[in-house]
């Protein structure tokens, strides 16, 4: 920003040319370093509450006399204002109010430097600053500019105080993150640029607060409440989705994305916030859970609330609040869409660090905030902040939305095999939901496991007792769904099943390679058994039940008493190439049926297909200078057994490239390479991402994808 702000005459006596305020120096460079706000804005002074900042007043005419010329500063927000008398050092002031002090050493012939300090829980906002001068004969008032006040996680008395510097660097200052997606057995990492140092991002975050329903309905009350990070996080959570308000993102999970941006094509928050702010607050199309969460993380970090994005693998969406998820399969292993409950292969939300003054101290620390619009909280699509400690201790009455978030990480799963409207077998699973919960580690790209923070171990007795009660209720309820009034209960739900089955996927399936799996059948009875094995594979979205089967097989088998039988299956690339793309998720289920007893047992696994490899590199390395041209090269070599028709190599990078750049090849034979060189130039410092994808035949199916983290420093 421009340090020097011309003092604009506001009101008072005009005939006082002998003594006037001429210019105000906001000392932006020094203040921004002192307040850890470098790079957040080139338009405004940005400071943190509870910590003094300084500005210098330059006068025209005679020198300022502190004994006869009274100075009064005024920080205003709409109808609210704080009048701040400038005092001598050592004079008493109320730490709950604003203060302004000058020191004799800071007084020059025609200037004085004032040190201003806000209360520690001041409102987070963009303030107007006025200077009032009262001399023996005159009164004058000046509008001198605006400044932004943020939360202060470096200050012990601030509710968002975080004591360790390494944590502050990671959860406030870092503009780079890693998102974890895919499945627990095959985790895909997606870099994300939070972009808080991109021009205009801070201003968009402040606009978000101004456009909230809370501010529009009662700006006075909203300003008063904005000192509380609990209130701020609830406002931000609701405003990042657009379901109830003029929010940032519109969600979409299926169908065409041609009238917007496909959620998987985003790689940073800045572009999204810029689009929203520059379009008169029209929702940006489109977002899904990782996009919603990442934008919230950006807004929180900008406003000074330590935040991180968290992934829950196998996250339950418990629509009926019974902490049990029901899944239905046919007797041949095809998963059915019969339940309002669902398990998302992964779900991302945000954790924010704060003291909970509305709760007891045991619930201070990390709070889960979920902006993906799923359920309403107090009438709006938002969720949290919920203390992670409350989820771990199962304190379901603690604010906010603890039951929903508890179920997301610790619900039980009941898988039912149905035939002709009857339940003919069932299995229970109390382990898979929330089996892995992780976030990016501090100063590392490795995932940090958070499971113990969210989940306490269920004792066998607790699990068994709860399971029996739930299963009794579920099976009784199934009669409503069934075509008959009776329900067969002779499935795998017995206390000691004599027939067991498990399913394992070999390695990490890679697009273009054969998928390999094995089924293990155990006969614990004293009799030989005649069995039929049904195996079924279905494509699925990470947050939905599967689509129609694309591969299936059945086989009759015989197994001797007390024996274990292993069966191997493969799905070759030609069998799935028209169905699956990189990062797609597959549901595979096996049902084993005893031909004599009609007993059926089920096992299911879900896995993701890893995309093929793209190589991206920048000549001279991935640390570049701002406003200097650099050359990046992206290459893909066809490792598939088949040729790729109409190969399209696309490169893009917000803050590095204008729009998308493409290379096309009509026919890419096995072993051949396609290459694209692009010239990149960064206009602002920070972390940028260069993203490249390979598709074919004008299809949205992605065969390969890569990200390159680019560190930009000032020239």
Foldseek 3Di string as FASTA:
>chain_A
DQQKFAWAWDDKDDPPQQKDFGIKGQVQVVQCVVAVNPLLEPAAREHEAQAKGKMKIFMGHFADDCVFKWKWKWKDDVVDIAIETEDEPPDDDDLQAKYKYWYPVQGDGGMTMIIIHGRLLAAFAKIWMKMWIDGPPIITITGHGIHTYFHGLCDPPQQQPDPDPLLCCVQFVAQKFWDWDFFPQDIDIAIAGQPSSPYPPLVLLNVLLCFFPVCVVPVVVSNVPRSDVFVVLQRLLQQCEPPPGLHQADEDDDDDQVVADDQVPHRYQPVSSVVCVVVVSHHHPHHDQVNSASNSSSSCSSRPWGKFKKKFAFFKQDPVLPLEAEWEAELQGATDDDDPIFTFRMGMWMWTAGQDPVDDRQQHTTFTWGSGQDDDWPRTRIWDRHRLQCLAVVVCVDDDPNSRRNSRAFGKYKYFYDDQLAGQAIDIGRARRRVFMWTQDRPGRDTDTCSNSRYDDDDPVNVVVSVVVVVVVVNCVSCVRGPHNDHHDQEPPDPDDQKDKEKDWPDAAAQQFKTKIKMKIFGADQAKFKKKKKKFKFWDHSTDRTDDTLDIDMDIDIDHHGDMDMDMDIDGNVSPVVPDFAFTKMKMKMWMATPPVRYIDMYIDMGTHHADDKDKAWVPGQEEEAPDKTKMKIKDAAQHQAKAAWKKKWKDKVQWDDDIDIDTDRIHGHGRMDMDMDITHGHTFHKIKMKMFIDGDPDPGTRYIDIDIHGYDYD
